[in-house]
Amino acid sequence: MDKKYSDMTPTELRTEIATLKEKARKAEQLGILNEFAVYERKALMAQAFLLNPDDFKPGEMYRIEGDPGVFFQLEYLKGRFGWGYRLGGDHYEEALPISMLTPVKEGM
């Protein structure tokens, strides 16, 4: 049985991320886009477990990795997900893995 990401060591997580990215690359080459998307999302989730949730502050603005020019207002954290709203959108609440959030200040 596979280990949960929360039970993996940082080394195991990095190995898992590399494996998932390689599977995603192969799926993309074969044109299996839904499989590619699944592996990419799994890699993002594994990356979230390498980050410290305490580094993400509710009330702050973040850029969304893979979605240039879009900003995310973080309202609260639950586990490895940041909950909040995309600015300029329909203003519905959504959750993103913290590995997708980059502080606006870093991007300048």
Protein backbone atom coordinates (compact mmCIF):
# COMPACT_ATOMS: atom_id res chain seq x y z
CA MET A 1 0.00 0.00 0.00
CA ASP A 2 1.22 3.50 -0.84
CA LYS A 3 2.13 5.92 1.92
CA LYS A 4 0.14 9.10 2.43
CA TYR A 5 2.05 12.27 1.61
CA SER A 6 1.71 13.33 5.24
CA ASP A 7 3.63 10.19 6.31
CA MET A 8 6.49 10.65 3.83
CA THR A 9 9.89 12.14 4.61
CA PRO A 10 11.08 15.12 2.52
CA THR A 11 13.35 12.76 0.55
CA GLU A 12 10.45 10.41 -0.18
CA LEU A 13 8.30 13.37 -1.23
CA ARG A 14 10.97 14.63 -3.64
CA THR A 15 11.29 11.15 -5.15
CA GLU A 16 7.51 10.91 -5.51
CA ILE A 17 7.37 14.35 -7.15
CA ALA A 18 10.07 13.36 -9.66
CA THR A 19 8.20 10.12 -10.46
CA LEU A 20 4.90 11.96 -10.94
CA LYS A 21 6.49 14.59 -13.17
CA GLU A 22 8.06 11.87 -15.32
CA LYS A 23 4.67 10.11 -15.63
CA ALA A 24 3.09 13.45 -16.53
CA ARG A 25 5.72 14.08 -19.20
CA LYS A 26 5.11 10.65 -20.75
CA ALA A 27 1.33 11.11 -20.67
CA GLU A 28 1.70 14.50 -22.37
CA GLN A 29 3.93 13.00 -25.08
CA LEU A 30 1.32 10.30 -25.70
CA GLY A 31 -1.42 12.94 -25.88
CA ILE A 32 -3.30 11.60 -22.84
CA LEU A 33 -4.14 15.02 -21.43
CA ASN A 34 -6.49 13.90 -18.65
CA GLU A 35 -3.79 11.57 -17.27
CA PHE A 36 -1.23 14.37 -17.63
CA ALA A 37 -3.47 16.69 -15.56
CA VAL A 38 -3.92 14.07 -12.82
CA TYR A 39 -0.16 13.54 -12.44
CA GLU A 40 0.50 17.28 -12.45
CA ARG A 41 -2.09 17.83 -9.69
CA LYS A 42 -0.67 14.95 -7.62
CA ALA A 43 2.81 16.47 -7.93
CA LEU A 44 1.43 19.83 -6.72
CA MET A 45 -0.15 18.11 -3.72
CA ALA A 46 3.10 16.33 -2.86
CA GLN A 47 4.97 19.66 -3.15
CA ALA A 48 2.52 21.19 -0.67
CA PHE A 49 3.79 18.77 1.97
CA LEU A 50 7.32 20.17 1.56
CA LEU A 51 6.05 23.63 2.55
CA ASN A 52 5.24 25.04 5.97
CA PRO A 53 1.60 26.21 6.14
CA ASP A 54 2.66 28.79 8.77
CA ASP A 55 4.47 30.66 5.98
CA PHE A 56 1.10 31.49 4.39
CA LYS A 57 -0.80 34.33 6.04
CA PRO A 58 -4.58 34.80 5.85
CA GLY A 59 -5.46 38.23 4.53
CA GLU A 60 -2.47 38.37 2.18
CA MET A 61 -2.47 38.33 -1.60
CA TYR A 62 -0.76 35.57 -3.61
CA ARG A 63 -0.03 34.86 -7.26
CA ILE A 64 -1.33 31.54 -8.59
CA GLU A 65 1.33 29.32 -10.13
CA GLY A 66 0.39 28.44 -13.69
CA ASP A 67 -2.16 31.26 -13.96
CA PRO A 68 -0.20 34.44 -14.78
CA GLY A 69 -1.79 37.74 -13.88
CA VAL A 70 -4.32 36.15 -11.53
CA PHE A 71 -4.24 36.96 -7.83
CA PHE A 72 -5.64 35.00 -4.91
CA GLN A 73 -6.84 36.55 -1.65
CA LEU A 74 -6.09 33.99 1.09
CA GLU A 75 -8.85 33.86 3.71
CA TYR A 76 -7.79 30.82 5.77
CA LEU A 77 -5.82 27.57 5.72
CA LYS A 78 -7.11 24.08 6.22
CA GLY A 79 -4.41 21.44 6.09
CA ARG A 80 -2.29 22.00 2.99
CA PHE A 81 -4.97 24.04 1.22
CA GLY A 82 -5.41 27.78 1.14
CA TRP A 83 -9.04 28.88 0.93
CA GLY A 84 -9.99 32.20 -0.57
CA TYR A 85 -11.01 34.09 -3.71
CA ARG A 86 -9.52 34.91 -7.08
CA LEU A 87 -9.53 38.67 -7.60
CA GLY A 88 -11.63 39.94 -10.46
CA GLY A 89 -13.54 36.66 -10.73
CA ASP A 90 -17.00 35.63 -9.61
CA HIS A 91 -15.82 35.88 -5.99
CA TYR A 92 -16.67 32.30 -5.08
CA GLU A 93 -14.61 30.55 -2.44
CA GLU A 94 -12.17 27.91 -3.62
CA ALA A 95 -9.26 25.92 -2.25
CA LEU A 96 -5.81 25.68 -3.80
CA PRO A 97 -2.83 23.60 -2.64
CA ILE A 98 -0.36 25.94 -0.94
CA SER A 99 2.27 24.85 -3.47
CA MET A 100 0.33 26.87 -6.08
CA LEU A 101 0.56 30.12 -4.06
CA THR A 102 3.46 32.55 -4.42
CA PRO A 103 3.59 35.73 -2.34
CA VAL A 104 3.03 38.80 -4.51
CA LYS A 105 6.12 40.41 -2.96
CA GLU A 106 8.37 37.62 -4.32
CA GLY A 107 7.15 38.12 -7.86
CA MET A 108 8.27 41.77 -8.03
